[in-house]
Amino acid sequence: MALERSSHVPGGFQVRHRVLGIYQGSAIDLAFWHPSSNMPEYGLCRFSTEDKAQAFVDFLCSAMCTEPLDRNDLTVEPYDLTKHEQLVTEYPLPSAWESPL
């Protein structure tokens, strides 16, 4: 579920929370959502297929999640490459998810 390494490739899916925003990824056991996380430099988390994004939604709403979310607050939508590029351009801090291994 890592951020897609090739950020400029079109396609993919993202998860949006009705109040919190678009899922950016997680670190230190915390989920980050744009814009509520105030960490826009990380860009957005891209899922390669709609099924993978839906599986993540299912997890976030399950008893396996530490703080389950309401399924009605989450949607799967096409990845917003324009928004990702805007965030990375306007907040150019390097991201741990974007660094090559």
Protein backbone atom coordinates (compact mmCIF):
# COMPACT_ATOMS: atom_id res chain seq x y z
CA MET A 1 0.00 0.00 0.00
CA ALA A 2 2.96 2.32 -0.51
CA LEU A 3 2.69 5.50 -2.49
CA GLU A 4 3.16 4.71 -6.16
CA ARG A 5 6.84 5.36 -6.93
CA SER A 6 6.27 6.86 -10.36
CA SER A 7 4.16 9.84 -9.35
CA HIS A 8 3.68 11.22 -12.84
CA VAL A 9 1.98 8.14 -14.32
CA PRO A 10 -1.78 8.64 -14.87
CA GLY A 11 -4.37 6.23 -13.51
CA GLY A 12 -5.02 4.59 -10.19
CA PHE A 13 -7.42 5.29 -7.35
CA GLN A 14 -7.48 7.19 -4.09
CA VAL A 15 -9.57 7.07 -0.92
CA ARG A 16 -11.40 10.17 0.29
CA HIS A 17 -12.94 10.74 3.70
CA ARG A 18 -16.00 13.03 3.67
CA VAL A 19 -14.57 15.27 6.43
CA LEU A 20 -10.83 14.57 6.64
CA GLY A 21 -9.96 14.66 2.92
CA ILE A 22 -7.84 12.45 0.66
CA TYR A 23 -5.74 9.67 2.17
CA GLN A 24 -2.02 10.45 1.99
CA GLY A 25 -0.56 7.42 3.74
CA SER A 26 0.44 6.59 7.28
CA ALA A 27 3.47 6.95 9.51
CA ILE A 28 4.11 6.44 13.22
CA ASP A 29 0.80 4.57 13.40
CA LEU A 30 -1.14 7.66 12.30
CA ALA A 31 -3.11 8.09 9.09
CA PHE A 32 -2.59 11.34 7.21
CA TRP A 33 -5.39 12.95 5.19
CA HIS A 34 -5.10 16.08 3.02
CA PRO A 35 -5.97 18.79 3.93
CA SER A 36 -6.73 17.95 7.57
CA SER A 37 -3.22 16.57 8.28
CA ASN A 38 -1.56 19.89 7.39
CA MET A 39 1.19 17.84 5.69
CA PRO A 40 0.49 18.47 1.99
CA GLU A 41 4.10 17.89 0.96
CA TYR A 42 3.52 14.15 1.05
CA GLY A 43 1.18 14.15 -1.92
CA LEU A 44 -1.62 11.61 -2.22
CA CYS A 45 -1.59 7.83 -1.83
CA ARG A 46 -2.32 6.02 -5.08
CA PHE A 47 -3.81 2.52 -5.22
CA SER A 48 -3.12 0.65 -8.45
CA THR A 49 -6.62 -0.85 -8.68
CA GLU A 50 -10.08 0.02 -7.44
CA ASP A 51 -10.18 -3.35 -5.65
CA LYS A 52 -7.07 -2.46 -3.63
CA ALA A 53 -8.52 0.90 -2.66
CA GLN A 54 -11.80 -0.78 -1.67
CA ALA A 55 -9.89 -3.37 0.39
CA PHE A 56 -8.29 -0.50 2.30
CA VAL A 57 -11.71 1.08 2.90
CA ASP A 58 -12.93 -2.31 4.16
CA PHE A 59 -9.99 -2.47 6.57
CA LEU A 60 -10.56 1.10 7.83
CA CYS A 61 -14.16 0.18 8.66
CA SER A 62 -13.41 -3.18 10.26
CA ALA A 63 -12.84 -4.30 13.84
CA MET A 64 -9.18 -4.93 12.86
CA CYS A 65 -8.67 -1.15 12.65
CA THR A 66 -7.78 0.49 15.98
CA GLU A 67 -10.34 3.26 15.44
CA PRO A 68 -12.81 2.06 12.77
CA LEU A 69 -14.30 4.70 10.50
CA ASP A 70 -17.87 4.98 9.26
CA ARG A 71 -18.12 3.35 5.82
CA ASN A 72 -20.51 6.12 4.71
CA ASP A 73 -17.71 8.67 5.13
CA LEU A 74 -15.31 6.93 2.71
CA THR A 75 -15.33 6.83 -1.09
CA VAL A 76 -13.01 5.40 -3.72
CA GLU A 77 -12.39 7.74 -6.63
CA PRO A 78 -9.97 8.12 -9.55
CA TYR A 79 -6.52 9.31 -8.48
CA ASP A 80 -6.16 13.09 -8.69
CA LEU A 81 -2.76 13.45 -10.37
CA THR A 82 -3.29 17.21 -10.81
CA LYS A 83 -3.89 17.66 -7.07
CA HIS A 84 -0.84 15.51 -6.25
CA GLU A 85 1.39 17.59 -8.54
CA GLN A 86 -0.03 20.84 -7.10
CA LEU A 87 0.76 19.69 -3.54
CA VAL A 88 4.29 18.58 -4.40
CA THR A 89 4.97 21.83 -6.30
CA GLU A 90 3.56 24.17 -3.66
CA TYR A 91 5.10 22.27 -0.73
CA PRO A 92 8.37 20.85 -2.13
CA LEU A 93 9.68 19.16 1.02
CA PRO A 94 11.01 15.67 0.26
CA SER A 95 8.76 12.80 1.17
CA ALA A 96 9.90 9.53 2.69
CA TRP A 97 7.40 7.73 0.43
CA GLU A 98 8.90 9.30 -2.70
CA SER A 99 12.56 8.56 -1.89
CA PRO A 100 14.13 5.81 -4.00
CA LEU A 101 15.36 2.79 -2.08
